């Protein structure tokens, strides 16, 4: 009798990587498809991309797609583990910084084309992302290996309009300073 999971039915890492890259390549990237793909699914694909060490273009495409709909993400989505032995931090802060940059670029494009009408001032999407990033900063602040410049750059990446109050940011800085001292 043949075992139920023979070696011929188990996909190799290379085959999984190729399948993942094919899926990502076929994802729509246009803004009109903004809510067509669940944000949580995109974050899972991104984690898988990191685990399988897929091509840079694959990872970049996912980060851009996530950035275009970042306001739909949750804090758990952003807590992407660092899979690189070169990265000393627990979470992949660089990835979140790139995703946030894509979000801000998309918001700026929307404002320049006049689709939004309010020029980004207190945009609901920007406010949601501001709250999300402040929560993320509070969460990663407890990582003793997080460098001050990484924390600082992520904190100031958001424009002033993203925060109605700075309480979340102050809380994150407080946690960070307690861990570092």
N, C-alpha and C. Protein backbone atom coordinates (compact mmCIF):
# COMPACT_ATOMS: atom_id res chain seq x y z
N UNK A 1 0.83 -1.19 0.00
CA UNK A 1 0.00 0.00 0.00
C UNK A 1 0.87 1.24 0.00
N UNK A 2 0.36 2.21 -0.63
CA UNK A 2 1.05 3.48 -0.74
C UNK A 2 0.65 4.39 0.42
N UNK A 3 1.62 5.04 1.08
CA UNK A 3 1.26 5.96 2.16
C UNK A 3 0.43 7.12 1.60
N UNK A 4 -0.42 7.69 2.46
CA UNK A 4 -1.33 8.75 2.00
C UNK A 4 -0.59 10.03 1.62
N UNK A 5 0.56 10.27 2.22
CA UNK A 5 1.34 11.45 1.85
C UNK A 5 2.68 10.99 1.31
N UNK A 6 2.71 10.66 0.05
CA UNK A 6 3.96 10.23 -0.56
C UNK A 6 4.79 11.46 -0.91
N UNK A 7 6.05 11.24 -1.19
CA UNK A 7 6.95 12.33 -1.52
C UNK A 7 6.53 13.04 -2.80
N UNK A 8 5.86 12.31 -3.68
CA UNK A 8 5.46 12.93 -4.94
C UNK A 8 4.32 13.94 -4.76
N UNK A 9 3.56 13.86 -3.68
CA UNK A 9 2.47 14.79 -3.47
C UNK A 9 2.85 15.98 -2.61
N UNK A 10 3.97 15.92 -1.96
CA UNK A 10 4.42 17.05 -1.14
C UNK A 10 5.19 18.01 -2.03
N UNK A 11 4.74 19.25 -2.06
CA UNK A 11 5.38 20.26 -2.89
C UNK A 11 6.71 20.69 -2.28
N UNK A 12 7.69 20.87 -3.12
CA UNK A 12 8.99 21.33 -2.64
C UNK A 12 8.92 22.83 -2.34
N UNK A 13 9.91 23.30 -1.62
CA UNK A 13 9.97 24.72 -1.28
C UNK A 13 10.03 25.56 -2.56
N UNK A 14 10.76 25.10 -3.54
CA UNK A 14 10.88 25.83 -4.81
C UNK A 14 9.52 25.90 -5.52
N UNK A 15 8.76 24.79 -5.49
CA UNK A 15 7.45 24.78 -6.13
C UNK A 15 6.48 25.71 -5.39
N UNK A 16 6.55 25.70 -4.05
CA UNK A 16 5.70 26.60 -3.27
C UNK A 16 6.05 28.06 -3.55
N UNK A 17 7.33 28.33 -3.65
CA UNK A 17 7.80 29.68 -3.95
C UNK A 17 7.28 30.12 -5.32
N UNK A 18 7.37 29.25 -6.31
CA UNK A 18 6.90 29.57 -7.65
C UNK A 18 5.39 29.80 -7.66
N UNK A 19 4.65 28.97 -6.94
CA UNK A 19 3.20 29.13 -6.85
C UNK A 19 2.84 30.46 -6.19
N UNK A 20 3.51 30.79 -5.11
CA UNK A 20 3.27 32.05 -4.41
C UNK A 20 3.55 33.24 -5.32
N UNK A 21 4.66 33.20 -6.02
CA UNK A 21 5.01 34.30 -6.92
C UNK A 21 4.00 34.43 -8.05
N UNK A 22 3.46 33.32 -8.52
CA UNK A 22 2.43 33.36 -9.55
C UNK A 22 1.16 34.01 -9.02
N UNK A 23 0.77 33.66 -7.81
CA UNK A 23 -0.42 34.25 -7.19
C UNK A 23 -0.25 35.75 -7.04
N UNK A 24 0.89 36.16 -6.50
CA UNK A 24 1.13 37.58 -6.27
C UNK A 24 1.18 38.35 -7.58
N UNK A 25 1.79 37.77 -8.60
CA UNK A 25 1.87 38.43 -9.91
C UNK A 25 0.49 38.68 -10.48
N UNK A 26 -0.46 37.80 -10.20
CA UNK A 26 -1.80 37.92 -10.77
C UNK A 26 -2.77 38.72 -9.91
N UNK A 27 -2.32 39.25 -8.78
CA UNK A 27 -3.19 40.10 -7.96
C UNK A 27 -3.36 41.44 -8.64
N UNK A 28 -4.59 41.95 -8.66
CA UNK A 28 -4.78 43.29 -9.23
C UNK A 28 -4.18 44.34 -8.31
N UNK A 29 -3.56 45.35 -8.89
CA UNK A 29 -2.91 46.39 -8.09
C UNK A 29 -3.62 47.73 -8.20
N UNK A 30 -4.56 47.85 -9.11
CA UNK A 30 -5.23 49.12 -9.31
C UNK A 30 -6.01 49.53 -8.07
N UNK A 31 -6.16 50.83 -7.91
CA UNK A 31 -6.91 51.35 -6.77
C UNK A 31 -8.38 50.95 -6.82
N UNK A 32 -8.91 50.73 -8.01
CA UNK A 32 -10.32 50.36 -8.13
C UNK A 32 -10.60 49.01 -7.49
N UNK A 33 -9.56 48.20 -7.34
CA UNK A 33 -9.73 46.88 -6.73
C UNK A 33 -9.35 46.91 -5.26
N UNK A 34 -9.39 48.08 -4.67
CA UNK A 34 -8.92 48.32 -3.31
C UNK A 34 -9.47 47.31 -2.30
N UNK A 35 -10.75 47.05 -2.32
CA UNK A 35 -11.31 46.15 -1.32
C UNK A 35 -11.60 44.76 -1.88
N UNK A 36 -11.10 44.48 -3.08
CA UNK A 36 -11.41 43.19 -3.70
C UNK A 36 -10.65 42.03 -3.04
N UNK A 37 -9.55 42.33 -2.39
CA UNK A 37 -8.76 41.28 -1.75
C UNK A 37 -8.64 41.62 -0.26
N UNK A 38 -8.96 40.67 0.58
CA UNK A 38 -8.92 40.90 2.02
C UNK A 38 -7.49 41.24 2.47
N UNK A 39 -7.39 42.25 3.28
CA UNK A 39 -6.09 42.71 3.77
C UNK A 39 -5.39 41.61 4.56
N UNK A 40 -6.15 40.89 5.37
CA UNK A 40 -5.56 39.80 6.16
C UNK A 40 -4.92 38.74 5.26
N UNK A 41 -5.59 38.45 4.15
CA UNK A 41 -5.04 37.48 3.18
C UNK A 41 -3.72 37.98 2.61
N UNK A 42 -3.67 39.26 2.29
CA UNK A 42 -2.44 39.84 1.74
C UNK A 42 -1.30 39.77 2.76
N UNK A 43 -1.60 40.02 4.01
CA UNK A 43 -0.56 39.93 5.05
C UNK A 43 -0.08 38.48 5.21
N UNK A 44 -0.99 37.52 5.08
CA UNK A 44 -0.58 36.11 5.15
C UNK A 44 0.33 35.75 3.97
N UNK A 45 -0.02 36.26 2.79
CA UNK A 45 0.84 36.04 1.63
C UNK A 45 2.21 36.67 1.86
N UNK A 46 2.24 37.85 2.47
CA UNK A 46 3.51 38.52 2.73
C UNK A 46 4.36 37.71 3.71
N UNK A 47 3.74 37.18 4.74
CA UNK A 47 4.48 36.33 5.69
C UNK A 47 5.04 35.10 4.99
N UNK A 48 4.23 34.50 4.13
CA UNK A 48 4.67 33.33 3.38
C UNK A 48 5.82 33.69 2.44
N UNK A 49 5.73 34.86 1.84
CA UNK A 49 6.80 35.34 0.96
C UNK A 49 8.10 35.45 1.74
N UNK A 50 8.02 35.96 2.95
CA UNK A 50 9.21 36.08 3.79
C UNK A 50 9.76 34.72 4.19
N UNK A 51 8.89 33.80 4.54
CA UNK A 51 9.33 32.47 4.96
C UNK A 51 10.01 31.73 3.81
N UNK A 52 9.41 31.82 2.62
CA UNK A 52 9.94 31.11 1.46
C UNK A 52 11.08 31.86 0.78
N UNK A 53 11.36 33.06 1.27
CA UNK A 53 12.43 33.88 0.70
C UNK A 53 12.20 34.08 -0.80
N UNK A 54 10.98 34.52 -1.14
CA UNK A 54 10.61 34.74 -2.53
C UNK A 54 11.33 35.96 -3.09
N UNK A 55 11.21 36.14 -4.38
CA UNK A 55 11.88 37.24 -5.05
C UNK A 55 11.46 38.58 -4.45
N UNK A 56 12.38 39.53 -4.51
CA UNK A 56 12.15 40.89 -4.00
C UNK A 56 10.94 41.53 -4.66
N UNK A 57 10.76 41.32 -5.95
CA UNK A 57 9.63 41.92 -6.67
C UNK A 57 8.29 41.41 -6.13
N UNK A 58 8.26 40.17 -5.74
CA UNK A 58 7.05 39.57 -5.17
C UNK A 58 6.70 40.24 -3.84
N UNK A 59 7.69 40.38 -2.99
CA UNK A 59 7.49 41.03 -1.69
C UNK A 59 7.09 42.49 -1.87
N UNK A 60 7.77 43.18 -2.78
CA UNK A 60 7.48 44.59 -3.02
C UNK A 60 6.06 44.79 -3.55
N UNK A 61 5.60 43.92 -4.43
CA UNK A 61 4.25 44.02 -4.96
C UNK A 61 3.21 43.84 -3.86
N UNK A 62 3.45 42.89 -2.97
CA UNK A 62 2.52 42.69 -1.85
C UNK A 62 2.53 43.89 -0.91
N UNK A 63 3.69 44.41 -0.60
CA UNK A 63 3.78 45.56 0.29
C UNK A 63 3.02 46.76 -0.30
N UNK A 64 3.14 46.95 -1.61
CA UNK A 64 2.44 48.06 -2.25
C UNK A 64 0.93 47.85 -2.20
N UNK A 65 0.48 46.64 -2.49
CA UNK A 65 -0.95 46.34 -2.47
C UNK A 65 -1.51 46.53 -1.06
N UNK A 66 -0.77 46.08 -0.05
CA UNK A 66 -1.20 46.26 1.33
C UNK A 66 -1.23 47.74 1.68
N UNK A 67 -0.21 48.47 1.22
CA UNK A 67 -0.16 49.90 1.50
C UNK A 67 -1.36 50.66 0.95
N UNK A 68 -1.89 50.22 -0.17
CA UNK A 68 -3.04 50.90 -0.77
C UNK A 68 -4.32 50.70 0.03
N UNK A 69 -4.33 49.71 0.92
CA UNK A 69 -5.51 49.47 1.74
C UNK A 69 -5.14 49.30 3.22
N UNK A 70 -4.11 50.00 3.65
CA UNK A 70 -3.61 49.87 5.02
C UNK A 70 -4.64 50.22 6.07
N UNK A 71 -5.57 51.11 5.76
CA UNK A 71 -6.58 51.49 6.74
C UNK A 71 -7.48 50.32 7.13
N UNK A 72 -7.46 49.24 6.37
CA UNK A 72 -8.27 48.06 6.68
C UNK A 72 -7.51 47.04 7.53
N UNK A 73 -6.25 47.30 7.80
CA UNK A 73 -5.41 46.36 8.56
C UNK A 73 -5.69 46.46 10.06
N UNK A 74 -5.27 45.43 10.76
CA UNK A 74 -5.35 45.42 12.22
C UNK A 74 -3.93 45.38 12.78
N UNK A 75 -3.82 45.59 14.07
CA UNK A 75 -2.52 45.55 14.72
C UNK A 75 -1.88 44.17 14.57
N UNK A 76 -2.67 43.12 14.69
CA UNK A 76 -2.14 41.77 14.51
C UNK A 76 -1.56 41.56 13.12
N UNK A 77 -2.18 42.18 12.13
CA UNK A 77 -1.66 42.08 10.76
C UNK A 77 -0.26 42.67 10.67
N UNK A 78 -0.06 43.80 11.32
CA UNK A 78 1.23 44.50 11.23
C UNK A 78 2.36 43.82 11.99
N UNK A 79 2.04 42.96 12.92
CA UNK A 79 3.07 42.30 13.72
C UNK A 79 3.69 41.16 12.93
N UNK A 80 4.46 41.53 11.93
CA UNK A 80 5.12 40.58 11.03
C UNK A 80 6.43 40.15 11.67
N UNK A 81 6.59 38.87 11.96
CA UNK A 81 7.85 38.42 12.57
C UNK A 81 9.04 38.65 11.64
N UNK A 82 10.16 38.91 12.22
CA UNK A 82 11.39 39.08 11.45
C UNK A 82 11.98 37.70 11.20
N UNK A 83 12.06 37.31 9.95
CA UNK A 83 12.57 35.99 9.60
C UNK A 83 14.04 36.00 9.23
N UNK A 84 14.64 37.17 9.24
CA UNK A 84 16.04 37.29 8.85
C UNK A 84 16.94 37.18 10.07
N UNK A 85 18.00 36.42 9.93
CA UNK A 85 18.95 36.31 11.03
C UNK A 85 19.78 37.59 11.14
N UNK A 86 19.75 38.42 10.11
CA UNK A 86 20.48 39.69 10.14
C UNK A 86 19.73 40.75 10.96
N UNK A 87 18.42 40.60 11.05
CA UNK A 87 17.60 41.55 11.76
C UNK A 87 17.49 41.13 13.22
N UNK A 88 17.90 42.01 14.11
CA UNK A 88 17.91 41.67 15.53
C UNK A 88 16.56 41.86 16.21
N UNK A 89 15.66 42.59 15.58
CA UNK A 89 14.38 42.88 16.21
C UNK A 89 13.41 41.71 16.04
N UNK A 90 12.44 41.69 16.92
CA UNK A 90 11.44 40.64 16.92
C UNK A 90 10.50 40.77 15.71
N UNK A 91 10.16 42.00 15.37
CA UNK A 91 9.23 42.25 14.26
C UNK A 91 9.95 42.96 13.11
N UNK A 92 9.41 42.78 11.92
CA UNK A 92 9.99 43.37 10.71
C UNK A 92 9.52 44.82 10.57
N UNK A 93 10.20 45.72 11.26
CA UNK A 93 9.86 47.13 11.28
C UNK A 93 10.09 47.76 9.91
N UNK A 94 11.12 47.34 9.21
CA UNK A 94 11.40 47.89 7.88
C UNK A 94 10.24 47.63 6.92
N UNK A 95 9.67 46.46 7.00
CA UNK A 95 8.55 46.10 6.13
C UNK A 95 7.35 47.01 6.41
N UNK A 96 7.04 47.22 7.68
CA UNK A 96 5.92 48.08 8.04
C UNK A 96 6.19 49.51 7.60
N UNK A 97 7.42 49.95 7.70
CA UNK A 97 7.78 51.29 7.24
C UNK A 97 7.57 51.42 5.74
N UNK A 98 7.93 50.40 4.97
CA UNK A 98 7.72 50.45 3.52
C UNK A 98 6.22 50.44 3.18
N UNK A 99 5.45 49.63 3.90
CA UNK A 99 4.00 49.58 3.68
C UNK A 99 3.38 50.94 3.98
N UNK A 100 3.79 51.56 5.08
CA UNK A 100 3.27 52.87 5.44
C UNK A 100 3.64 53.91 4.38
N UNK A 101 4.84 53.83 3.85
CA UNK A 101 5.26 54.75 2.79
C UNK A 101 4.38 54.59 1.55
N UNK A 102 4.03 53.35 1.21
CA UNK A 102 3.14 53.11 0.07
C UNK A 102 1.76 53.71 0.34
N UNK A 103 1.28 53.58 1.57
CA UNK A 103 -0.01 54.16 1.93
C UNK A 103 0.01 55.67 1.75
N UNK A 104 1.06 56.30 2.29
CA UNK A 104 1.17 57.76 2.21
C UNK A 104 1.33 58.23 0.76
N UNK A 105 2.07 57.48 -0.05
CA UNK A 105 2.21 57.82 -1.47
C UNK A 105 0.86 57.73 -2.17
N UNK A 106 0.11 56.69 -1.88
CA UNK A 106 -1.23 56.53 -2.47
C UNK A 106 -2.17 57.62 -2.04
N UNK A 107 -2.08 58.03 -0.78
CA UNK A 107 -2.92 59.11 -0.27
C UNK A 107 -2.56 60.43 -0.95
N UNK A 108 -1.28 60.65 -1.15
CA UNK A 108 -0.82 61.87 -1.82
C UNK A 108 -1.29 61.88 -3.28
N UNK A 109 -1.21 60.74 -3.95
CA UNK A 109 -1.70 60.65 -5.33
C UNK A 109 -3.18 60.95 -5.41
N UNK A 110 -3.94 60.40 -4.48
CA UNK A 110 -5.38 60.63 -4.45
C UNK A 110 -5.68 62.10 -4.25
N UNK A 111 -4.95 62.74 -3.36
CA UNK A 111 -5.16 64.17 -3.10
C UNK A 111 -4.77 65.03 -4.29
N UNK A 112 -3.72 64.65 -5.00
CA UNK A 112 -3.26 65.43 -6.16
C UNK A 112 -4.22 65.32 -7.33
N UNK A 113 -4.87 64.18 -7.47
CA UNK A 113 -5.82 64.01 -8.57
C UNK A 113 -7.18 64.59 -8.23
N UNK A 114 -7.34 65.04 -6.99
CA UNK A 114 -8.59 65.68 -6.59
C UNK A 114 -9.71 64.73 -6.27
N UNK A 115 -9.41 63.44 -6.14
CA UNK A 115 -10.46 62.46 -5.85
C UNK A 115 -10.97 62.59 -4.43
N UNK A 116 -10.13 63.06 -3.52
CA UNK A 116 -10.50 63.13 -2.12
C UNK A 116 -11.19 64.45 -1.79
N UNK A 117 -10.62 65.54 -2.26
CA UNK A 117 -11.25 66.82 -2.05
C UNK A 117 -10.83 67.54 -0.78
N UNK A 118 -10.28 66.83 0.20
CA UNK A 118 -9.92 67.50 1.45
C UNK A 118 -8.41 67.63 1.63
N UNK A 119 -7.65 67.30 0.58
CA UNK A 119 -6.18 67.41 0.60
C UNK A 119 -5.53 66.72 1.80
N UNK A 120 -6.10 65.64 2.26
CA UNK A 120 -5.49 64.84 3.32
C UNK A 120 -5.71 65.37 4.71
N UNK A 121 -6.36 66.50 4.87
CA UNK A 121 -6.58 67.07 6.20
C UNK A 121 -7.64 66.24 6.90
N UNK A 122 -7.23 65.59 7.95
CA UNK A 122 -8.12 64.75 8.76
C UNK A 122 -8.88 63.72 7.94
N UNK A 123 -8.21 63.16 6.97
CA UNK A 123 -8.79 62.09 6.17
C UNK A 123 -9.11 60.91 7.09
N UNK A 124 -10.30 60.32 6.97
CA UNK A 124 -10.63 59.17 7.82
C UNK A 124 -9.63 58.02 7.69
N UNK A 125 -9.19 57.75 6.47
CA UNK A 125 -8.22 56.66 6.26
C UNK A 125 -6.91 56.99 6.96
N UNK A 126 -6.46 58.23 6.85
CA UNK A 126 -5.22 58.65 7.49
C UNK A 126 -5.34 58.58 9.01
N UNK A 127 -6.48 58.97 9.54
CA UNK A 127 -6.69 58.90 10.98
C UNK A 127 -6.67 57.45 11.48
N UNK A 128 -7.29 56.54 10.72
CA UNK A 128 -7.28 55.12 11.09
C UNK A 128 -5.86 54.57 11.08
N UNK A 129 -5.10 54.93 10.06
CA UNK A 129 -3.72 54.45 9.96
C UNK A 129 -2.86 55.08 11.06
N UNK A 130 -3.12 56.33 11.39
CA UNK A 130 -2.39 56.97 12.49
C UNK A 130 -2.59 56.22 13.81
N UNK A 131 -3.82 55.87 14.09
CA UNK A 131 -4.12 55.11 15.31
C UNK A 131 -3.47 53.72 15.25
N UNK A 132 -3.51 53.11 14.09
CA UNK A 132 -2.91 51.78 13.90
C UNK A 132 -1.39 51.82 14.12
N UNK A 133 -0.73 52.80 13.54
CA UNK A 133 0.72 52.91 13.68
C UNK A 133 1.11 53.25 15.11
N UNK A 134 0.34 54.08 15.79
CA UNK A 134 0.62 54.36 17.20
C UNK A 134 0.50 53.09 18.04
N UNK A 135 -0.50 52.27 17.75
CA UNK A 135 -0.63 50.98 18.44
C UNK A 135 0.54 50.06 18.13
N UNK A 136 0.98 50.07 16.87
CA UNK A 136 2.13 49.27 16.46
C UNK A 136 3.39 49.74 17.19
N UNK A 137 3.58 51.04 17.27
CA UNK A 137 4.73 51.58 17.98
C UNK A 137 4.72 51.17 19.44
N UNK A 138 3.55 51.19 20.06
CA UNK A 138 3.44 50.75 21.46
C UNK A 138 3.81 49.28 21.61
N UNK A 139 3.42 48.48 20.63
CA UNK A 139 3.70 47.04 20.69
C UNK A 139 5.18 46.74 20.48
N UNK A 140 5.80 47.37 19.50
CA UNK A 140 7.20 47.08 19.21
C UNK A 140 8.15 47.79 20.18
N UNK A 141 7.64 48.76 20.92
CA UNK A 141 8.48 49.53 21.85
C UNK A 141 9.09 48.65 22.92
N UNK A 142 8.49 47.53 23.22
CA UNK A 142 9.00 46.64 24.26
C UNK A 142 10.15 45.75 23.78
N UNK A 143 10.50 45.85 22.51
CA UNK A 143 11.62 45.08 21.97
C UNK A 143 12.93 45.78 22.33
N UNK A 144 13.71 45.16 23.19
CA UNK A 144 14.95 45.77 23.68
C UNK A 144 15.97 45.97 22.56
N UNK A 145 15.85 45.24 21.47
CA UNK A 145 16.80 45.36 20.36
C UNK A 145 16.40 46.41 19.32
N UNK A 146 15.27 47.06 19.51
CA UNK A 146 14.80 48.07 18.57
C UNK A 146 15.66 49.32 18.71
N UNK A 147 16.30 49.69 17.63
CA UNK A 147 17.19 50.85 17.62
C UNK A 147 16.37 52.15 17.69
N UNK A 148 16.90 53.15 18.39
CA UNK A 148 16.17 54.42 18.53
C UNK A 148 15.83 55.07 17.18
N UNK A 149 16.75 54.98 16.21
CA UNK A 149 16.47 55.61 14.92
C UNK A 149 15.33 54.92 14.18
N UNK A 150 15.19 53.59 14.31
CA UNK A 150 14.07 52.87 13.69
C UNK A 150 12.75 53.33 14.29
N UNK A 151 12.72 53.40 15.61
CA UNK A 151 11.51 53.82 16.32
C UNK A 151 11.15 55.25 15.91
N UNK A 152 12.15 56.12 15.90
CA UNK A 152 11.94 57.53 15.58
C UNK A 152 11.43 57.71 14.16
N UNK A 153 12.07 57.06 13.19
CA UNK A 153 11.68 57.23 11.79
C UNK A 153 10.26 56.75 11.53
N UNK A 154 9.88 55.67 12.16
CA UNK A 154 8.51 55.19 11.98
C UNK A 154 7.52 56.15 12.64
N UNK A 155 7.88 56.71 13.79
CA UNK A 155 7.00 57.63 14.50
C UNK A 155 6.77 58.92 13.73
N UNK A 156 7.80 59.43 13.07
CA UNK A 156 7.66 60.71 12.37
C UNK A 156 7.22 60.56 10.92
N UNK A 157 7.12 59.36 10.43
CA UNK A 157 6.72 59.13 9.05
C UNK A 157 5.29 59.62 8.79
N UNK A 158 4.46 59.53 9.80
CA UNK A 158 3.07 59.99 9.66
C UNK A 158 3.00 61.51 9.71
N UNK A 159 2.18 62.11 8.85
CA UNK A 159 2.01 63.56 8.91
C UNK A 159 1.20 63.96 10.16
N UNK A 160 1.25 65.22 10.50
CA UNK A 160 0.55 65.73 11.69
C UNK A 160 -0.95 65.46 11.63
N UNK A 161 -1.52 65.46 10.42
CA UNK A 161 -2.96 65.26 10.27
C UNK A 161 -3.41 63.84 10.64
N UNK A 162 -2.47 62.92 10.81
CA UNK A 162 -2.82 61.53 11.12
C UNK A 162 -3.23 61.35 12.57
N UNK A 163 -2.91 62.32 13.41
CA UNK A 163 -3.20 62.20 14.83
C UNK A 163 -4.02 63.39 15.30
N UNK A 164 -5.18 63.10 15.87
CA UNK A 164 -5.97 64.15 16.48
C UNK A 164 -5.35 64.52 17.82
N UNK A 165 -4.94 63.47 18.55
CA UNK A 165 -4.22 63.61 19.82
C UNK A 165 -2.97 62.76 19.74
N UNK A 166 -1.97 63.13 20.48
CA UNK A 166 -0.70 62.40 20.47
C UNK A 166 -0.58 61.39 21.60
N UNK A 167 -1.69 61.06 22.25
CA UNK A 167 -1.66 60.15 23.40
C UNK A 167 -1.05 58.80 23.06
N UNK A 168 -1.43 58.23 21.91
CA UNK A 168 -0.90 56.93 21.51
C UNK A 168 0.60 56.98 21.29
N UNK A 169 1.07 58.04 20.69
CA UNK A 169 2.50 58.21 20.46
C UNK A 169 3.24 58.39 21.78
N UNK A 170 2.68 59.18 22.69
CA UNK A 170 3.31 59.37 24.00
C UNK A 170 3.40 58.05 24.76
N UNK A 171 2.36 57.25 24.67
CA UNK A 171 2.35 55.95 25.33
C UNK A 171 3.45 55.06 24.77
N UNK A 172 3.61 55.06 23.44
CA UNK A 172 4.65 54.26 22.80
C UNK A 172 6.03 54.72 23.22
N UNK A 173 6.25 56.03 23.26
CA UNK A 173 7.55 56.56 23.68
C UNK A 173 7.82 56.20 25.13
N UNK A 174 6.82 56.27 25.97
CA UNK A 174 6.97 55.90 27.38
C UNK A 174 7.40 54.45 27.53
N UNK A 175 6.74 53.56 26.82
CA UNK A 175 7.10 52.12 26.87
C UNK A 175 8.53 51.94 26.36
N UNK A 176 8.86 52.59 25.26
CA UNK A 176 10.19 52.46 24.67
C UNK A 176 11.27 52.91 25.66
N UNK A 177 11.06 54.05 26.28
CA UNK A 177 12.07 54.58 27.21
C UNK A 177 12.21 53.68 28.44
N UNK A 178 11.12 53.13 28.93
CA UNK A 178 11.19 52.22 30.08
C UNK A 178 12.01 50.97 29.76
N UNK A 179 11.86 50.46 28.56
CA UNK A 179 12.60 49.26 28.16
C UNK A 179 14.06 49.57 27.95
N UNK A 180 14.35 50.72 27.36
CA UNK A 180 15.74 51.07 27.03
C UNK A 180 16.56 51.50 28.25
N UNK A 181 15.90 52.02 29.28
CA UNK A 181 16.65 52.50 30.45
C UNK A 181 16.75 51.49 31.54
